[in-house]
């Protein structure tokens, strides 16, 4: 069953079943959201919710307002001075209608305080564990768009648990979606995914240098196989160079990994950036 949320007087209320919406103060212009919707819409624009108002229409059609033809009613309403007295206007318009409806509804919806709270301060509900797994596998190799923190960290936890249970074998299944969601997480902070690409390139270069160093040292040892002292000196000299080069690249890669980790902890960029609309803020 769908769960609905209401936004009334700068507050998000819910979740509610559809049968509980009217009892919790929903009007045709109240903003409503449920799981699966891209954004908040007015209650009157949501088909299944709009039927609730259609069922209640007779309650708003009071018989006394549909009988303007009666002469006696018109004489009392427009000819007698007491009908125009300020006491009636104040009692009906200000207390019964203006204060109860305009202050409770217009202040919560039309005044700048509401607009500021809705545009700048309102956030969508967090992505759950199962929802994050579903989203990341649907976007298996999708490196475009944005991903909020809850989506990213829930999937990272899932990938870690899979690798732990399967001794690393199952982690290969999560490898590509992990890089994809990490790239989208950087996009959500308005940063390029090439931070990750650069780190991957550094890792590939280090691996290539490491393999090359092994073959190089093996060749050096083979060349001096008949002279153990010369072999030791050659290995120390050659191996020292390889060690320094690989260590420097490893240090750069480590620093870059820490920077990327800090970026994934940052909050979503408010509003739309060049990678798309915010998945968290409205």
Protein backbone atom coordinates (compact mmCIF):
# COMPACT_ATOMS: atom_id res chain seq x y z
CA UNK A 1 0.00 0.00 0.00
CA UNK A 2 1.31 3.46 -0.93
CA UNK A 3 2.39 5.78 1.89
CA UNK A 4 1.74 9.49 1.44
CA UNK A 5 3.44 12.57 2.92
CA UNK A 6 1.88 16.03 3.36
CA UNK A 7 3.65 19.38 3.54
CA UNK A 8 1.62 21.74 5.77
CA UNK A 9 2.81 24.88 7.59
CA UNK A 10 6.50 24.30 6.69
CA UNK A 11 6.37 20.75 8.09
CA UNK A 12 6.44 17.35 6.44
CA UNK A 13 3.78 15.08 7.92
CA UNK A 14 3.42 11.36 7.38
CA UNK A 15 3.51 8.69 6.32
CA UNK A 16 -0.29 8.26 5.96
CA UNK A 17 -2.59 5.85 4.21
CA UNK A 18 -4.78 7.48 1.59
CA UNK A 19 -7.77 7.18 3.92
CA UNK A 20 -5.99 9.31 6.56
CA UNK A 21 -5.10 12.29 4.36
CA UNK A 22 -8.25 14.38 4.83
CA UNK A 23 -8.26 13.77 8.57
CA UNK A 24 -4.78 15.24 8.80
CA UNK A 25 -5.64 18.60 7.25
CA UNK A 26 -5.16 17.99 3.50
CA UNK A 27 -6.76 20.56 1.16
CA UNK A 28 -6.87 20.61 -2.67
CA UNK A 29 -3.75 22.84 -2.72
CA UNK A 30 -1.74 20.87 -0.13
CA UNK A 31 1.50 19.42 -1.53
CA UNK A 32 1.51 15.60 -1.54
CA UNK A 33 4.32 13.10 -2.24
CA UNK A 34 4.53 9.34 -2.30
CA UNK A 35 7.28 6.86 -3.15
CA UNK A 36 7.97 6.70 -6.88
CA UNK A 37 7.03 10.34 -7.61
CA UNK A 38 9.67 12.67 -9.05
CA UNK A 39 8.49 15.71 -7.08
CA UNK A 40 5.70 17.09 -4.86
CA UNK A 41 2.37 17.94 -6.49
CA UNK A 42 -0.86 19.52 -5.31
CA UNK A 43 -3.40 17.09 -3.94
CA UNK A 44 -5.96 18.12 -6.57
CA UNK A 45 -3.49 17.12 -9.33
CA UNK A 46 -2.94 13.56 -8.01
CA UNK A 47 -5.75 11.37 -9.45
CA UNK A 48 -6.18 8.90 -6.59
CA UNK A 49 -6.17 11.73 -4.02
CA UNK A 50 -8.41 14.05 -6.04
CA UNK A 51 -11.23 11.49 -5.80
CA UNK A 52 -11.34 12.12 -2.05
CA UNK A 53 -12.40 15.73 -2.68
CA UNK A 54 -14.91 14.67 -5.34
CA UNK A 55 -16.56 12.39 -2.78
CA UNK A 56 -16.85 15.29 -0.32
CA UNK A 57 -18.22 17.94 -2.69
CA UNK A 58 -21.81 17.78 -1.33
CA UNK A 59 -20.47 18.87 2.09
CA UNK A 60 -19.42 22.22 0.67
CA UNK A 61 -22.74 22.95 -1.12
CA UNK A 62 -24.89 24.33 1.64
CA UNK A 63 -28.57 24.75 0.69
CA UNK A 64 -28.88 28.29 2.14
CA UNK A 65 -26.45 29.66 -0.43
CA UNK A 66 -28.41 28.22 -3.36
CA UNK A 67 -31.70 30.08 -2.68
CA UNK A 68 -31.09 33.72 -3.70
CA UNK A 69 -34.59 33.92 -5.30
CA UNK A 70 -36.46 34.20 -1.99
CA UNK A 71 -37.59 37.84 -1.52
CA UNK A 72 -37.57 37.59 2.26
CA UNK A 73 -33.93 36.43 2.34
CA UNK A 74 -32.82 39.25 0.04
CA UNK A 75 -34.65 41.86 2.06
CA UNK A 76 -33.06 40.69 5.29
CA UNK A 77 -29.64 40.38 3.73
CA UNK A 78 -29.47 43.68 1.85
CA UNK A 79 -32.14 45.98 3.26
CA UNK A 80 -31.89 45.59 6.99
CA UNK A 81 -29.08 47.69 8.51
CA UNK A 82 -28.11 45.07 11.06
CA UNK A 83 -26.88 42.73 8.29
CA UNK A 84 -24.28 45.32 7.24
CA UNK A 85 -23.13 46.06 10.74
CA UNK A 86 -19.40 45.62 11.50
CA UNK A 87 -20.26 43.12 14.19
CA UNK A 88 -21.51 40.65 11.61
CA UNK A 89 -18.60 41.23 9.27
CA UNK A 90 -16.11 40.77 12.06
CA UNK A 91 -17.85 37.72 13.48
CA UNK A 92 -18.22 35.94 10.15
CA UNK A 93 -15.39 37.06 7.91
CA UNK A 94 -12.54 37.62 10.36
CA UNK A 95 -13.22 34.98 12.99
CA UNK A 96 -15.01 32.26 11.07
CA UNK A 97 -13.44 32.52 7.64
CA UNK A 98 -10.48 34.89 7.50
CA UNK A 99 -8.73 33.67 10.63
CA UNK A 100 -9.62 30.00 10.34
CA UNK A 101 -8.91 29.65 6.64
CA UNK A 102 -6.67 32.46 5.41
CA UNK A 103 -4.30 32.51 8.40
CA UNK A 104 -4.12 28.73 8.68
CA UNK A 105 -3.83 28.12 4.94
CA UNK A 106 -2.42 31.23 3.29
CA UNK A 107 0.31 31.77 5.88
CA UNK A 108 1.41 28.17 5.53
CA UNK A 109 1.36 28.20 1.72
CA UNK A 110 1.54 31.70 0.25
CA UNK A 111 3.83 33.65 2.53
CA UNK A 112 7.58 33.85 1.74
CA UNK A 113 8.43 31.84 4.84
CA UNK A 114 6.77 28.78 3.35
CA UNK A 115 8.39 29.22 -0.04
CA UNK A 116 11.80 29.53 1.53
CA UNK A 117 11.31 26.42 3.62
CA UNK A 118 10.07 24.40 0.65
CA UNK A 119 12.68 25.45 -1.90
CA UNK A 120 15.75 25.71 0.29
CA UNK A 121 15.21 23.54 3.35
CA UNK A 122 12.96 20.62 2.42
CA UNK A 123 14.49 17.24 1.65
CA UNK A 124 13.13 14.02 0.26
CA UNK A 125 13.07 10.91 2.46
CA UNK A 126 16.35 9.00 2.56
CA UNK A 127 16.99 6.05 0.27
CA UNK A 128 16.66 2.74 2.11
CA UNK A 129 18.99 -0.28 1.98
CA UNK A 130 16.89 -2.31 -0.45
CA UNK A 131 16.03 0.70 -2.59
CA UNK A 132 19.72 1.63 -2.91
CA UNK A 133 20.60 -1.89 -4.11
CA UNK A 134 17.77 -1.81 -6.64
CA UNK A 135 18.77 1.62 -7.99
CA UNK A 136 22.46 0.75 -8.34
CA UNK A 137 21.83 -2.51 -10.16
CA UNK A 138 19.36 -0.81 -12.51
CA UNK A 139 22.09 1.76 -13.20
CA UNK A 140 24.76 -0.94 -13.43
CA UNK A 141 27.15 0.99 -15.70
CA UNK A 142 25.43 4.38 -15.62
CA UNK A 143 28.10 6.97 -14.78
CA UNK A 144 25.83 9.95 -15.47
CA UNK A 145 23.43 11.71 -13.11
CA UNK A 146 23.63 12.12 -9.35
CA UNK A 147 23.40 9.92 -6.24
CA UNK A 148 22.85 11.10 -2.67
CA UNK A 149 24.80 9.86 0.34
CA UNK A 150 22.23 7.32 1.53
CA UNK A 151 22.15 5.60 -1.87
CA UNK A 152 25.95 5.49 -2.09
CA UNK A 153 26.78 4.27 1.43
CA UNK A 154 24.01 1.66 1.58
CA UNK A 155 25.30 0.10 -1.65
CA UNK A 156 28.91 0.25 -0.42
CA UNK A 157 27.80 -1.68 2.68
CA UNK A 158 26.04 -4.24 0.48
CA UNK A 159 29.14 -4.67 -1.74
CA UNK A 160 31.34 -5.12 1.35
CA UNK A 161 29.04 -7.78 2.83
CA UNK A 162 28.88 -9.65 -0.48
CA UNK A 163 32.69 -9.64 -0.77
CA UNK A 164 33.03 -10.75 2.86
CA UNK A 165 30.63 -13.66 2.51
CA UNK A 166 31.99 -14.86 -0.85
CA UNK A 167 35.69 -14.25 0.00
CA UNK A 168 35.93 -11.51 -2.61
CA UNK A 169 34.50 -13.46 -5.55
CA UNK A 170 31.02 -11.95 -5.28
CA UNK A 171 32.54 -8.49 -5.02
CA UNK A 172 33.38 -8.67 -8.73
CA UNK A 173 29.66 -8.49 -9.48
CA UNK A 174 29.44 -5.23 -7.53
CA UNK A 175 32.63 -3.73 -8.98
CA UNK A 176 31.15 -1.78 -11.91
CA UNK A 177 28.02 -0.52 -10.11
CA UNK A 178 30.27 0.53 -7.20
CA UNK A 179 32.38 2.72 -9.47
CA UNK A 180 29.24 4.01 -11.19
CA UNK A 181 27.50 5.06 -7.96
CA UNK A 182 30.76 6.58 -6.68
CA UNK A 183 30.96 8.67 -9.84
CA UNK A 184 27.34 9.78 -9.42
CA UNK A 185 28.08 10.64 -5.76
CA UNK A 186 30.83 13.01 -6.88
CA UNK A 187 28.44 14.51 -9.43
CA UNK A 188 26.01 15.15 -6.58
CA UNK A 189 28.65 17.35 -4.94
CA UNK A 190 29.26 19.10 -8.29
CA UNK A 191 32.60 17.38 -8.90
CA UNK A 192 33.81 15.45 -11.92
CA UNK A 193 34.00 11.68 -11.97
CA UNK A 194 37.52 12.00 -13.38
CA UNK A 195 38.76 12.14 -9.79
CA UNK A 196 37.99 8.42 -9.72
CA UNK A 197 39.27 7.91 -13.27
CA UNK A 198 42.61 9.50 -12.41
CA UNK A 199 42.99 7.25 -9.39
CA UNK A 200 42.22 4.17 -11.50
CA UNK A 201 44.81 5.21 -14.07
CA UNK A 202 47.40 5.65 -11.31
CA UNK A 203 46.58 2.19 -10.01
CA UNK A 204 46.97 0.67 -13.48
CA UNK A 205 50.33 2.43 -13.96
CA UNK A 206 51.54 1.18 -10.58
CA UNK A 207 50.53 -2.37 -11.43
CA UNK A 208 52.35 -2.16 -14.77
CA UNK A 209 55.48 -0.79 -13.11
CA UNK A 210 55.36 -3.47 -10.45
CA UNK A 211 55.21 -6.26 -13.05
CA UNK A 212 57.96 -4.59 -15.07
CA UNK A 213 60.12 -4.30 -11.94
CA UNK A 214 59.77 -8.00 -11.24
CA UNK A 215 60.90 -9.00 -14.73
CA UNK A 216 63.70 -6.38 -14.65
CA UNK A 217 65.07 -7.63 -11.33
CA UNK A 218 64.81 -11.22 -12.53
CA UNK A 219 66.83 -10.34 -15.61
CA UNK A 220 69.45 -8.57 -13.50
CA UNK A 221 69.77 -11.55 -11.18
CA UNK A 222 70.08 -13.90 -14.13
CA UNK A 223 72.83 -11.78 -15.68
CA UNK A 224 74.95 -11.98 -12.53
CA UNK A 225 74.06 -15.55 -11.64
CA UNK A 226 77.72 -16.56 -11.47
CA UNK A 227 78.76 -13.65 -9.20
CA UNK A 228 76.72 -13.39 -6.03
CA UNK A 229 78.35 -10.15 -4.85
CA UNK A 230 77.80 -8.37 -8.14
CA UNK A 231 74.23 -9.71 -8.23
CA UNK A 232 73.47 -8.27 -4.78
CA UNK A 233 74.88 -4.85 -5.69
CA UNK A 234 72.98 -4.77 -8.99
CA UNK A 235 69.70 -5.80 -7.36
CA UNK A 236 70.05 -3.16 -4.65
CA UNK A 237 70.77 -0.42 -7.16
CA UNK A 238 68.05 -1.39 -9.62
CA UNK A 239 65.50 -2.34 -6.99
CA UNK A 240 66.01 0.94 -5.13
CA UNK A 241 64.98 2.94 -8.20
CA UNK A 242 61.87 0.85 -8.74
CA UNK A 243 60.95 1.11 -5.07
CA UNK A 244 61.18 4.93 -5.06
CA UNK A 245 59.10 5.33 -8.23
CA UNK A 246 56.36 2.93 -7.15
CA UNK A 247 56.30 4.39 -3.62
CA UNK A 248 55.79 7.95 -4.93
CA UNK A 249 52.94 6.85 -7.17
CA UNK A 250 51.43 4.88 -4.26
CA UNK A 251 51.57 7.95 -2.02
CA UNK A 252 49.84 10.10 -4.66
CA UNK A 253 47.16 7.44 -5.11
CA UNK A 254 46.60 7.23 -1.35
CA UNK A 255 46.19 10.99 -1.01
CA UNK A 256 43.80 11.02 -3.98
CA UNK A 257 41.76 8.19 -2.42
CA UNK A 258 41.42 10.17 0.83
CA UNK A 259 40.26 13.26 -1.10
CA UNK A 260 37.63 11.19 -2.95
CA UNK A 261 36.47 9.67 0.35
CA UNK A 262 35.99 13.16 1.83
CA UNK A 263 34.02 14.22 -1.26
CA UNK A 264 31.61 11.28 -0.80
CA UNK A 265 30.87 12.49 2.74
CA UNK A 266 29.78 15.97 1.62
CA UNK A 267 26.14 17.00 1.39
CA UNK A 268 24.30 17.17 -1.91
CA UNK A 269 24.73 20.27 -4.01
CA UNK A 270 21.48 22.23 -3.53
CA UNK A 271 19.59 22.82 -6.72
CA UNK A 272 20.33 21.70 -10.25
CA UNK A 273 23.93 21.50 -11.43
CA UNK A 274 25.45 20.44 -14.77
CA UNK A 275 24.92 16.77 -13.87
CA UNK A 276 21.17 17.09 -13.28
CA UNK A 277 18.60 18.00 -10.59
CA UNK A 278 19.27 17.35 -6.91
CA UNK A 279 18.04 13.91 -5.77
CA UNK A 280 17.74 15.23 -2.20
CA UNK A 281 16.59 18.85 -2.23
CA UNK A 282 13.48 20.10 -3.98
